[in-house]
Amino acid sequence: MLMRPCKRPEWRTEGMTLVELAVVLAILGILAGAAVPMARVYFQNAVRDRIDERLNEAAVALTAYWGSHGALPCPDADGDGSGDCSSGSGARLTGLLPHADLGLPPNDGAGRPLTYVVLRQLTEHTSVTATIRAGRCEALAALSSSTDLRVQDNGATVSVPFVLVSGGPENRDGAGGYLDGENADGNDGLYQRKPPDTTFDDVTAYVSAYALWRSGCGTLVVQNAAGGTFTGSLQVDQSFDSGTSWTNLASVPDGTSSAILQIEAGSWIRVVDASSAATVDQFAFTSGPASLRYDTP
C-alpha cells in the first residue's frame, strides 16, 4: 500500500490589519482609563489607612502622657518636636504635635506634619496656675458643655480636650495650606471629622473627655459628720509638689456635710481642721472613687 506524505498546514503569516489594530488599541485604552482611577483610589485609601494608624498612635500616646504627667503636652511652636509652654494664649493652644516628647515619628505617614490643638488649662503652660490645675479634673467632667474646642464628628458636635488633624493625601479644597474646609479655620475652635469628598480629605482624631478623665482622675468624697471631734469646718487642700505648696479645694462644715471632688491621680491631699489649722489627714491620691468620713469622738 502506498503511503502519501502528510501535507503541512499553511500558516498565516500576514500581520494584523489596521482595523484589528485599532480595535486592540481601543480596548487597551478603555482598560487603562479604568485602571488609572482605580489605582489612584487604592493609593489614596492606603495613605488614609496609614494616616489613621499614625493619628490613633498619637491619641493613645497623649492619653498615656496625661495619665503619667497629670497634664497634656503643649504644642510644638517651632518645629523642633518638643512642646513650647511659653507661647500662645487663650482657651486653646494650636501648633504641631510634639512628637519628640511623645516618642513618635515626625509626620502623619504621608509626609505632612500633624496639627495638634489642646485646651490650655490641661497643659503645663506658664500661665496655668495651681488653682487652674486643681480644677482640671472637674473641668474634664463638665467638658460636654464647653465650646472652647469642638469636633463636628459626622454631624454630631462633641466637646474635646484635644484634637489631631492631618491634611490627608491631598489638598482637596484648593484654598491653600494643607487643611480643608472648617479645619483650615482654627479661630473658632471647631474641627471636622467626616468621610472624604470632592473638597475634603482631612483625617481627624480625638479622645473623649470621659476617656481622658478615666486615665488620670478620680472622685473623692470627704464627709464631716456631726457629733465628732471637728465641731468646725474641715478644709481640703491639694498639692502637686508632694506637699511643698497647697491649693485649697473645699471647705466641709460640720453636720454630716460632704464635699464631692474630682481629683487628679498622683496629687497629694490633706485634710485640715480649720479651727486649729492642724492637719487631720494627708495622703497621695492614687485613684478613685474614694470616700473619707471624719467623725472620731
C-alpha atoms as a PDB file:
ATOM      1  CA  MET A   1       0.000   0.000   0.000  1.00  0.00           C
ATOM      2  CA  LEU A   2       1.414   3.374  -0.949  1.00  0.00           C
ATOM      3  CA  MET A   3       1.859   5.956   1.826  1.00  0.00           C
ATOM      4  CA  ARG A   4       1.256   9.565   0.882  1.00  0.00           C
ATOM      5  CA  PRO A   5       3.295  12.177   2.687  1.00  0.00           C
ATOM      6  CA  CYS A   6       1.356  14.439   5.035  1.00  0.00           C
ATOM      7  CA  LYS A   7       0.768  17.901   3.750  1.00  0.00           C
ATOM      8  CA  ARG A   8       1.903  20.620   6.068  1.00  0.00           C
ATOM      9  CA  PRO A   9      -0.757  23.101   7.090  1.00  0.00           C
ATOM     10  CA  GLU A  10      -0.331  26.512   5.680  1.00  0.00           C
ATOM     11  CA  TRP A  11       0.302  29.067   8.456  1.00  0.00           C
ATOM     12  CA  ARG A  12      -0.965  32.586   8.154  1.00  0.00           C
ATOM     13  CA  THR A  13       1.960  34.931   8.120  1.00  0.00           C
ATOM     14  CA  GLU A  14       0.193  38.201   7.476  1.00  0.00           C
ATOM     15  CA  GLY A  15       0.187  40.889  10.248  1.00  0.00           C
ATOM     16  CA  MET A  16      -2.828  42.486  11.908  1.00  0.00           C
ATOM     17  CA  THR A  17      -4.998  44.610   9.753  1.00  0.00           C
ATOM     18  CA  LEU A  18      -5.404  48.264  10.612  1.00  0.00           C
ATOM     19  CA  VAL A  19      -8.947  47.606  11.768  1.00  0.00           C
ATOM     20  CA  GLU A  20      -7.821  44.843  14.131  1.00  0.00           C
ATOM     21  CA  LEU A  21      -5.008  47.012  15.484  1.00  0.00           C
ATOM     22  CA  ALA A  22      -7.417  49.881  16.058  1.00  0.00           C
ATOM     23  CA  VAL A  23      -9.788  47.599  17.962  1.00  0.00           C
ATOM     24  CA  VAL A  24      -6.960  46.309  20.184  1.00  0.00           C
ATOM     25  CA  LEU A  25      -5.728  49.820  20.913  1.00  0.00           C
ATOM     26  CA  ALA A  26      -9.236  50.956  21.733  1.00  0.00           C
ATOM     27  CA  ILE A  27      -9.681  48.086  24.209  1.00  0.00           C
ATOM     28  CA  LEU A  28      -6.316  48.820  25.825  1.00  0.00           C
ATOM     29  CA  GLY A  29      -7.261  52.471  26.122  1.00  0.00           C
ATOM     30  CA  ILE A  30     -10.526  51.602  27.830  1.00  0.00           C
ATOM     31  CA  LEU A  31      -8.764  49.256  30.264  1.00  0.00           C
ATOM     32  CA  ALA A  32      -6.089  51.840  31.024  1.00  0.00           C
ATOM     33  CA  GLY A  33      -8.705  54.545  31.536  1.00  0.00           C
ATOM     34  CA  ALA A  34     -10.469  52.373  34.091  1.00  0.00           C
ATOM     35  CA  ALA A  35      -7.273  51.198  35.798  1.00  0.00           C
ATOM     36  CA  VAL A  36      -5.780  54.634  36.476  1.00  0.00           C
ATOM     37  CA  PRO A  37      -8.680  55.932  38.652  1.00  0.00           C
ATOM     38  CA  MET A  38      -8.866  52.590  40.458  1.00  0.00           C
ATOM     39  CA  ALA A  39      -5.141  52.698  41.187  1.00  0.00           C
ATOM     40  CA  ARG A  40      -5.459  56.294  42.396  1.00  0.00           C
ATOM     41  CA  VAL A  41      -8.310  55.416  44.774  1.00  0.00           C
ATOM     42  CA  TYR A  42      -6.383  52.376  46.040  1.00  0.00           C
ATOM     43  CA  PHE A  43      -3.304  54.513  46.684  1.00  0.00           C
ATOM     44  CA  GLN A  44      -5.278  57.203  48.492  1.00  0.00           C
ATOM     45  CA  ASN A  45      -7.067  54.626  50.667  1.00  0.00           C
ATOM     46  CA  ALA A  46      -3.706  53.107  51.598  1.00  0.00           C
ATOM     47  CA  VAL A  47      -2.378  56.547  52.545  1.00  0.00           C
ATOM     48  CA  ARG A  48      -5.504  57.305  54.617  1.00  0.00           C
ATOM     49  CA  ASP A  49      -5.130  53.977  56.442  1.00  0.00           C
ATOM     50  CA  ARG A  50      -1.523  54.865  57.253  1.00  0.00           C
ATOM     51  CA  ILE A  51      -2.575  58.312  58.480  1.00  0.00           C
ATOM     52  CA  ASP A  52      -5.392  56.814  60.579  1.00  0.00           C
ATOM     53  CA  GLU A  53      -2.914  54.484  62.249  1.00  0.00           C
ATOM     54  CA  ARG A  54      -0.481  57.327  62.954  1.00  0.00           C
ATOM     55  CA  LEU A  55      -3.227  59.532  64.453  1.00  0.00           C
ATOM     56  CA  ASN A  56      -4.511  56.719  66.646  1.00  0.00           C
ATOM     57  CA  GLU A  57      -0.965  56.127  67.930  1.00  0.00           C
ATOM     58  CA  ALA A  58      -0.683  59.826  68.757  1.00  0.00           C
ATOM     59  CA  ALA A  59      -4.052  59.879  70.566  1.00  0.00           C
ATOM     60  CA  VAL A  60      -3.026  56.881  72.680  1.00  0.00           C
ATOM     61  CA  ALA A  61       0.355  58.481  73.451  1.00  0.00           C
ATOM     62  CA  LEU A  62      -1.296  61.743  74.536  1.00  0.00           C
ATOM     63  CA  THR A  63      -3.691  59.871  76.825  1.00  0.00           C
ATOM     64  CA  ALA A  64      -0.793  57.973  78.396  1.00  0.00           C
ATOM     65  CA  TYR A  65       1.138  61.228  78.800  1.00  0.00           C
ATOM     66  CA  TRP A  66      -1.809  62.739  80.683  1.00  0.00           C
ATOM     67  CA  GLY A  67      -2.031  59.666  82.925  1.00  0.00           C
ATOM     68  CA  SER A  68       1.657  59.824  83.869  1.00  0.00           C
ATOM     69  CA  HIS A  69       2.223  63.601  83.965  1.00  0.00           C
ATOM     70  CA  GLY A  70      -1.164  64.906  85.051  1.00  0.00           C
ATOM     71  CA  ALA A  71      -1.130  67.241  82.064  1.00  0.00           C
ATOM     72  CA  LEU A  72      -1.132  67.217  78.283  1.00  0.00           C
ATOM     73  CA  PRO A  73       1.950  68.464  76.414  1.00  0.00           C
ATOM     74  CA  CYS A  74       1.944  71.902  74.848  1.00  0.00           C
ATOM     75  CA  PRO A  75       2.032  72.125  71.036  1.00  0.00           C
ATOM     76  CA  ASP A  76       5.312  72.373  69.173  1.00  0.00           C
ATOM     77  CA  ALA A  77       5.586  76.019  68.119  1.00  0.00           C
ATOM     78  CA  ASP A  78       8.885  75.982  66.192  1.00  0.00           C
ATOM     79  CA  GLY A  79       9.061  72.549  64.565  1.00  0.00           C
ATOM     80  CA  ASP A  80      11.750  71.051  66.810  1.00  0.00           C
ATOM     81  CA  GLY A  81       9.476  68.231  68.011  1.00  0.00           C
ATOM     82  CA  SER A  82       9.162  69.476  71.589  1.00  0.00           C
ATOM     83  CA  GLY A  83       6.281  71.285  73.261  1.00  0.00           C
ATOM     84  CA  ASP A  84       6.593  75.011  73.848  1.00  0.00           C
ATOM     85  CA  CYS A  85       4.727  76.043  77.008  1.00  0.00           C
ATOM     86  CA  SER A  86       5.879  79.645  76.926  1.00  0.00           C
ATOM     87  CA  SER A  87       3.972  80.804  73.838  1.00  0.00           C
ATOM     88  CA  GLY A  88       0.302  81.018  72.960  1.00  0.00           C
ATOM     89  CA  SER A  89      -2.688  82.240  74.905  1.00  0.00           C
ATOM     90  CA  GLY A  90      -6.449  81.965  75.056  1.00  0.00           C
ATOM     91  CA  ALA A  91      -8.562  78.932  75.866  1.00  0.00           C
ATOM     92  CA  ARG A  92      -6.735  76.655  73.399  1.00  0.00           C
ATOM     93  CA  LEU A  93      -3.210  76.271  72.059  1.00  0.00           C
ATOM     94  CA  THR A  94      -2.534  75.361  68.428  1.00  0.00           C
ATOM     95  CA  GLY A  95       0.644  74.078  66.810  1.00  0.00           C
ATOM     96  CA  LEU A  96       2.332  70.878  65.693  1.00  0.00           C
ATOM     97  CA  LEU A  97       2.292  67.589  67.581  1.00  0.00           C
ATOM     98  CA  PRO A  98       5.337  67.481  69.943  1.00  0.00           C
ATOM     99  CA  HIS A  99       6.379  64.122  68.521  1.00  0.00           C
ATOM    100  CA  ALA A 100       9.791  64.021  70.227  1.00  0.00           C
ATOM    101  CA  ASP A 101       8.198  64.415  73.675  1.00  0.00           C
ATOM    102  CA  LEU A 102       5.872  61.500  72.873  1.00  0.00           C
ATOM    103  CA  GLY A 103       8.433  59.274  71.147  1.00  0.00           C
ATOM    104  CA  LEU A 104       6.538  59.318  67.845  1.00  0.00           C
ATOM    105  CA  PRO A 105       7.552  59.762  64.181  1.00  0.00           C
ATOM    106  CA  PRO A 106       7.643  63.390  62.992  1.00  0.00           C
ATOM    107  CA  ASN A 107       4.797  63.306  60.449  1.00  0.00           C
ATOM    108  CA  ASP A 108       1.416  61.800  59.629  1.00  0.00           C
ATOM    109  CA  GLY A 109       2.687  58.939  57.467  1.00  0.00           C
ATOM    110  CA  ALA A 110       2.149  60.934  54.270  1.00  0.00           C
ATOM    111  CA  GLY A 111       4.998  63.381  54.826  1.00  0.00           C
ATOM    112  CA  ARG A 112       2.863  66.107  56.385  1.00  0.00           C
ATOM    113  CA  PRO A 113       3.027  67.480  59.936  1.00  0.00           C
ATOM    114  CA  LEU A 114       0.229  66.767  62.397  1.00  0.00           C
ATOM    115  CA  THR A 115      -1.764  69.720  63.695  1.00  0.00           C
ATOM    116  CA  TYR A 116      -2.358  69.484  67.459  1.00  0.00           C
ATOM    117  CA  VAL A 117      -4.879  71.658  69.302  1.00  0.00           C
ATOM    118  CA  VAL A 118      -5.316  71.379  73.086  1.00  0.00           C
ATOM    119  CA  LEU A 119      -7.175  73.193  75.839  1.00  0.00           C
ATOM    120  CA  ARG A 120      -4.607  75.423  77.529  1.00  0.00           C
ATOM    121  CA  GLN A 121      -5.824  74.662  81.061  1.00  0.00           C
ATOM    122  CA  LEU A 122      -4.958  70.976  80.570  1.00  0.00           C
ATOM    123  CA  THR A 123      -1.290  71.736  79.823  1.00  0.00           C
ATOM    124  CA  GLU A 124       1.639  72.949  81.902  1.00  0.00           C
ATOM    125  CA  HIS A 125       1.593  76.298  80.134  1.00  0.00           C
ATOM    126  CA  THR A 126       3.353  79.041  82.095  1.00  0.00           C
ATOM    127  CA  SER A 127       0.036  80.828  82.596  1.00  0.00           C
ATOM    128  CA  VAL A 128      -1.643  77.770  84.164  1.00  0.00           C
ATOM    129  CA  THR A 129      -1.662  78.318  87.929  1.00  0.00           C
ATOM    130  CA  ALA A 130      -2.017  75.729  90.679  1.00  0.00           C
ATOM    131  CA  THR A 131      -5.602  76.881  91.168  1.00  0.00           C
ATOM    132  CA  ILE A 132      -6.381  76.211  87.494  1.00  0.00           C
ATOM    133  CA  ARG A 133      -4.662  72.846  87.696  1.00  0.00           C
ATOM    134  CA  ALA A 134      -6.647  71.922  90.790  1.00  0.00           C
ATOM    135  CA  GLY A 135      -9.850  72.351  88.796  1.00  0.00           C
ATOM    136  CA  ARG A 136      -8.810  70.425  85.692  1.00  0.00           C
ATOM    137  CA  CYS A 137     -10.486  67.134  86.527  1.00  0.00           C
ATOM    138  CA  GLU A 138     -13.711  68.945  87.344  1.00  0.00           C
ATOM    139  CA  ALA A 139     -13.393  70.795  84.038  1.00  0.00           C
ATOM    140  CA  LEU A 140     -12.977  67.477  82.208  1.00  0.00           C
ATOM    141  CA  ALA A 141     -16.034  66.049  83.946  1.00  0.00           C
ATOM    142  CA  ALA A 142     -18.085  69.045  82.754  1.00  0.00           C
ATOM    143  CA  LEU A 143     -16.489  69.399  79.324  1.00  0.00           C
ATOM    144  CA  SER A 144     -19.608  68.373  77.429  1.00  0.00           C
ATOM    145  CA  SER A 145     -20.920  71.923  77.796  1.00  0.00           C
ATOM    146  CA  SER A 146     -17.706  73.648  76.664  1.00  0.00           C
ATOM    147  CA  THR A 147     -17.451  75.460  73.346  1.00  0.00           C
ATOM    148  CA  ASP A 148     -13.701  76.157  73.540  1.00  0.00           C
ATOM    149  CA  LEU A 149     -12.702  73.117  71.458  1.00  0.00           C
ATOM    150  CA  ARG A 150     -15.164  71.007  69.481  1.00  0.00           C
ATOM    151  CA  VAL A 151     -15.197  68.359  66.757  1.00  0.00           C
ATOM    152  CA  GLN A 152     -18.066  68.014  64.320  1.00  0.00           C
ATOM    153  CA  ASP A 153     -17.981  64.234  64.014  1.00  0.00           C
ATOM    154  CA  ASN A 154     -20.200  63.181  61.082  1.00  0.00           C
ATOM    155  CA  GLY A 155     -22.802  65.763  62.041  1.00  0.00           C
ATOM    156  CA  ALA A 156     -22.628  65.426  65.849  1.00  0.00           C
ATOM    157  CA  THR A 157     -20.686  68.144  67.681  1.00  0.00           C
ATOM    158  CA  VAL A 158     -18.502  66.900  70.556  1.00  0.00           C
ATOM    159  CA  SER A 159     -16.514  68.955  73.087  1.00  0.00           C
ATOM    160  CA  VAL A 160     -12.994  67.502  73.344  1.00  0.00           C
ATOM    161  CA  PRO A 161      -9.806  68.072  75.385  1.00  0.00           C
ATOM    162  CA  PHE A 162      -7.560  67.876  72.301  1.00  0.00           C
ATOM    163  CA  VAL A 163      -7.785  67.215  68.572  1.00  0.00           C
ATOM    164  CA  LEU A 164      -5.305  65.937  65.981  1.00  0.00           C
ATOM    165  CA  VAL A 165      -5.675  66.818  62.299  1.00  0.00           C
ATOM    166  CA  SER A 166      -3.836  65.567  59.213  1.00  0.00           C
ATOM    167  CA  GLY A 167      -4.229  67.195  55.804  1.00  0.00           C
ATOM    168  CA  GLY A 168      -4.828  63.782  54.206  1.00  0.00           C
ATOM    169  CA  PRO A 169      -3.365  62.634  50.898  1.00  0.00           C
ATOM    170  CA  GLU A 170      -4.327  65.839  49.028  1.00  0.00           C
ATOM    171  CA  ASN A 171      -5.378  69.450  49.466  1.00  0.00           C
ATOM    172  CA  ARG A 172      -8.838  68.998  48.015  1.00  0.00           C
ATOM    173  CA  ASP A 173     -10.449  72.334  48.748  1.00  0.00           C
ATOM    174  CA  GLY A 174      -7.753  74.126  46.760  1.00  0.00           C
ATOM    175  CA  ALA A 175      -7.758  77.017  49.212  1.00  0.00           C
ATOM    176  CA  GLY A 176      -4.072  76.842  50.107  1.00  0.00           C
ATOM    177  CA  GLY A 177      -2.494  75.240  53.129  1.00  0.00           C
ATOM    178  CA  TYR A 178      -2.890  71.546  53.717  1.00  0.00           C
ATOM    179  CA  LEU A 179      -6.084  71.501  55.820  1.00  0.00           C
ATOM    180  CA  ASP A 180      -9.515  71.569  54.199  1.00  0.00           C
ATOM    181  CA  GLY A 181     -12.779  73.341  54.953  1.00  0.00           C
ATOM    182  CA  GLU A 182     -13.565  74.028  58.595  1.00  0.00           C
ATOM    183  CA  ASN A 183     -10.232  72.582  59.699  1.00  0.00           C
ATOM    184  CA  ALA A 184      -8.379  75.376  57.918  1.00  0.00           C
ATOM    185  CA  ASP A 185     -10.106  77.923  60.166  1.00  0.00           C
ATOM    186  CA  GLY A 186      -8.873  77.325  63.696  1.00  0.00           C
ATOM    187  CA  ASN A 187     -10.140  80.641  65.013  1.00  0.00           C
ATOM    188  CA  ASP A 188     -13.493  79.290  66.173  1.00  0.00           C
ATOM    189  CA  GLY A 189     -12.165  76.098  67.808  1.00  0.00           C
ATOM    190  CA  LEU A 190     -14.372  73.890  65.586  1.00  0.00           C
ATOM    191  CA  TYR A 191     -12.883  70.994  63.599  1.00  0.00           C
ATOM    192  CA  GLN A 192     -14.404  68.397  61.284  1.00  0.00           C
ATOM    193  CA  ARG A 193     -14.225  64.623  61.101  1.00  0.00           C
ATOM    194  CA  LYS A 194     -16.075  63.039  58.174  1.00  0.00           C
ATOM    195  CA  PRO A 195     -15.556  60.776  55.132  1.00  0.00           C
ATOM    196  CA  PRO A 196     -13.619  62.314  52.224  1.00  0.00           C
ATOM    197  CA  ASP A 197     -15.462  64.032  49.380  1.00  0.00           C
ATOM    198  CA  THR A 198     -14.529  66.208  46.410  1.00  0.00           C
ATOM    199  CA  THR A 199     -13.429  69.134  48.603  1.00  0.00           C
ATOM    200  CA  PHE A 200     -12.354  67.414  51.840  1.00  0.00           C
ATOM    201  CA  ASP A 201      -9.924  64.611  52.675  1.00  0.00           C
ATOM    202  CA  ASP A 202      -8.564  65.583  56.106  1.00  0.00           C
ATOM    203  CA  VAL A 203      -8.180  62.891  58.767  1.00  0.00           C
ATOM    204  CA  THR A 204      -9.133  63.920  62.305  1.00  0.00           C
ATOM    205  CA  ALA A 205      -8.752  62.120  65.643  1.00  0.00           C
ATOM    206  CA  TYR A 206      -9.559  62.950  69.255  1.00  0.00           C
ATOM    207  CA  VAL A 207     -10.160  61.354  72.665  1.00  0.00           C
ATOM    208  CA  SER A 208     -13.321  61.992  74.638  1.00  0.00           C
ATOM    209  CA  ALA A 209     -13.194  63.997  77.853  1.00  0.00           C
ATOM    210  CA  TYR A 210     -14.524  60.942  79.707  1.00  0.00           C
ATOM    211  CA  ALA A 211     -11.687  58.726  78.427  1.00  0.00           C
ATOM    212  CA  LEU A 212      -9.094  61.294  79.494  1.00  0.00           C
ATOM    213  CA  TRP A 213     -10.788  61.738  82.880  1.00  0.00           C
ATOM    214  CA  ARG A 214     -10.664  57.978  83.493  1.00  0.00           C
ATOM    215  CA  SER A 215      -6.963  57.844  82.678  1.00  0.00           C
ATOM    216  CA  GLY A 216      -5.891  60.431  85.246  1.00  0.00           C
ATOM    217  CA  CYS A 217      -8.710  61.488  87.567  1.00  0.00           C
ATOM    218  CA  GLY A 218     -10.916  60.078  90.304  1.00  0.00           C
ATOM    219  CA  THR A 219     -13.731  61.045  92.657  1.00  0.00           C
ATOM    220  CA  LEU A 220     -13.020  61.823  96.318  1.00  0.00           C
ATOM    221  CA  VAL A 221     -15.806  62.257  98.879  1.00  0.00           C
ATOM    222  CA  VAL A 222     -14.890  63.956 102.171  1.00  0.00           C
ATOM    223  CA  GLN A 223     -17.565  63.848 104.899  1.00  0.00           C
ATOM    224  CA  ASN A 224     -17.538  65.868 108.127  1.00  0.00           C
ATOM    225  CA  ALA A 225     -20.001  64.001 110.332  1.00  0.00           C
ATOM    226  CA  ALA A 226     -21.938  65.654 113.154  1.00  0.00           C
ATOM    227  CA  GLY A 227     -21.026  64.941 116.774  1.00  0.00           C
ATOM    228  CA  GLY A 228     -17.386  64.230 116.099  1.00  0.00           C
ATOM    229  CA  THR A 229     -14.179  65.901 117.136  1.00  0.00           C
ATOM    230  CA  PHE A 230     -14.355  68.560 114.453  1.00  0.00           C
ATOM    231  CA  THR A 231     -17.073  70.950 115.514  1.00  0.00           C
ATOM    232  CA  GLY A 232     -15.946  73.427 112.886  1.00  0.00           C
ATOM    233  CA  SER A 233     -15.155  73.069 109.225  1.00  0.00           C
ATOM    234  CA  LEU A 234     -12.673  70.764 107.562  1.00  0.00           C
ATOM    235  CA  GLN A 235     -10.518  72.215 104.826  1.00  0.00           C
ATOM    236  CA  VAL A 236      -9.461  70.024 101.887  1.00  0.00           C
ATOM    237  CA  ASP A 237      -6.214  71.029 100.129  1.00  0.00           C
ATOM    238  CA  GLN A 238      -4.331  69.636  97.132  1.00  0.00           C
ATOM    239  CA  SER A 239      -0.617  69.648  96.313  1.00  0.00           C
ATOM    240  CA  PHE A 240       1.208  68.885  93.075  1.00  0.00           C
ATOM    241  CA  ASP A 241       4.716  69.028  94.572  1.00  0.00           C
ATOM    242  CA  SER A 242       4.425  66.382  97.323  1.00  0.00           C
ATOM    243  CA  GLY A 243       3.294  68.848  99.963  1.00  0.00           C
ATOM    244  CA  THR A 244       5.607  71.807  99.436  1.00  0.00           C
ATOM    245  CA  SER A 245       2.691  74.047  98.464  1.00  0.00           C
ATOM    246  CA  TRP A 246      -1.044  73.601  98.794  1.00  0.00           C
ATOM    247  CA  THR A 247      -4.167  74.800  96.990  1.00  0.00           C
ATOM    248  CA  ASN A 248      -7.494  74.887  98.775  1.00  0.00           C
ATOM    249  CA  LEU A 249     -10.198  72.765  97.148  1.00  0.00           C
ATOM    250  CA  ALA A 250     -13.167  72.883  99.502  1.00  0.00           C
ATOM    251  CA  SER A 251     -14.469  73.637 102.959  1.00  0.00           C
ATOM    252  CA  VAL A 252     -16.627  70.972 104.605  1.00  0.00           C
ATOM    253  CA  PRO A 253     -18.738  72.272 107.526  1.00  0.00           C
ATOM    254  CA  ASP A 254     -19.667  70.029 110.433  1.00  0.00           C
ATOM    255  CA  GLY A 255     -23.097  68.409 110.335  1.00  0.00           C
ATOM    256  CA  THR A 256     -22.871  65.347 108.048  1.00  0.00           C
ATOM    257  CA  SER A 257     -21.988  67.575 105.111  1.00  0.00           C
ATOM    258  CA  SER A 258     -19.818  66.266 102.283  1.00  0.00           C
ATOM    259  CA  ALA A 259     -17.590  67.578  99.518  1.00  0.00           C
ATOM    260  CA  ILE A 260     -17.545  65.595  96.263  1.00  0.00           C
ATOM    261  CA  LEU A 261     -14.313  66.409  94.444  1.00  0.00           C
ATOM    262  CA  GLN A 262     -12.778  65.429  91.115  1.00  0.00           C
ATOM    263  CA  ILE A 263      -9.108  64.837  91.908  1.00  0.00           C
ATOM    264  CA  GLU A 264      -6.060  64.366  89.696  1.00  0.00           C
ATOM    265  CA  ALA A 265      -4.458  60.981  90.324  1.00  0.00           C
ATOM    266  CA  GLY A 266      -0.946  61.263  91.741  1.00  0.00           C
ATOM    267  CA  SER A 267      -1.541  64.526  93.566  1.00  0.00           C
ATOM    268  CA  TRP A 268      -1.413  64.882  97.352  1.00  0.00           C
ATOM    269  CA  ILE A 269      -4.437  65.611  99.531  1.00  0.00           C
ATOM    270  CA  ARG A 270      -4.532  66.907 103.072  1.00  0.00           C
ATOM    271  CA  VAL A 271      -7.487  67.496 105.375  1.00  0.00           C
ATOM    272  CA  VAL A 272      -7.099  70.320 107.885  1.00  0.00           C
ATOM    273  CA  ASP A 273      -9.143  71.244 110.981  1.00  0.00           C
ATOM    274  CA  ALA A 274      -9.990  74.826 110.099  1.00  0.00           C
ATOM    275  CA  SER A 275     -10.370  75.912 113.719  1.00  0.00           C
ATOM    276  CA  SER A 276      -6.917  74.761 114.846  1.00  0.00           C
ATOM    277  CA  ALA A 277      -5.086  74.606 111.476  1.00  0.00           C
ATOM    278  CA  ALA A 278      -3.951  71.106 112.472  1.00  0.00           C
ATOM    279  CA  THR A 279      -3.514  68.524 109.725  1.00  0.00           C
ATOM    280  CA  VAL A 280      -6.018  65.719 110.253  1.00  0.00           C
ATOM    281  CA  ASP A 281      -5.032  63.549 107.291  1.00  0.00           C
ATOM    282  CA  GLN A 282      -2.544  63.612 104.438  1.00  0.00           C
ATOM    283  CA  PHE A 283      -2.110  61.089 101.613  1.00  0.00           C
ATOM    284  CA  ALA A 284      -1.342  60.586  97.932  1.00  0.00           C
ATOM    285  CA  PHE A 285      -4.496  60.194  95.889  1.00  0.00           C
ATOM    286  CA  THR A 286      -3.820  57.292  93.522  1.00  0.00           C
ATOM    287  CA  SER A 287      -7.244  56.578  92.048  1.00  0.00           C
ATOM    288  CA  GLY A 288     -10.945  56.790  92.747  1.00  0.00           C
ATOM    289  CA  PRO A 289     -13.619  56.641  93.792  1.00  0.00           C
ATOM    290  CA  ALA A 290     -12.629  57.072  97.434  1.00  0.00           C
ATOM    291  CA  SER A 291     -14.742  58.141 100.396  1.00  0.00           C
ATOM    292  CA  LEU A 292     -13.432  59.550 103.687  1.00  0.00           C
ATOM    293  CA  ARG A 293     -15.536  60.112 106.824  1.00  0.00           C
ATOM    294  CA  TYR A 294     -14.213  62.134 109.752  1.00  0.00           C
ATOM    295  CA  ASP A 295     -16.279  61.651 112.909  1.00  0.00           C
ATOM    296  CA  THR A 296     -13.938  60.242 115.582  1.00  0.00           C
ATOM    297  CA  PRO A 297     -15.380  61.045 119.044  1.00  0.00           C
END
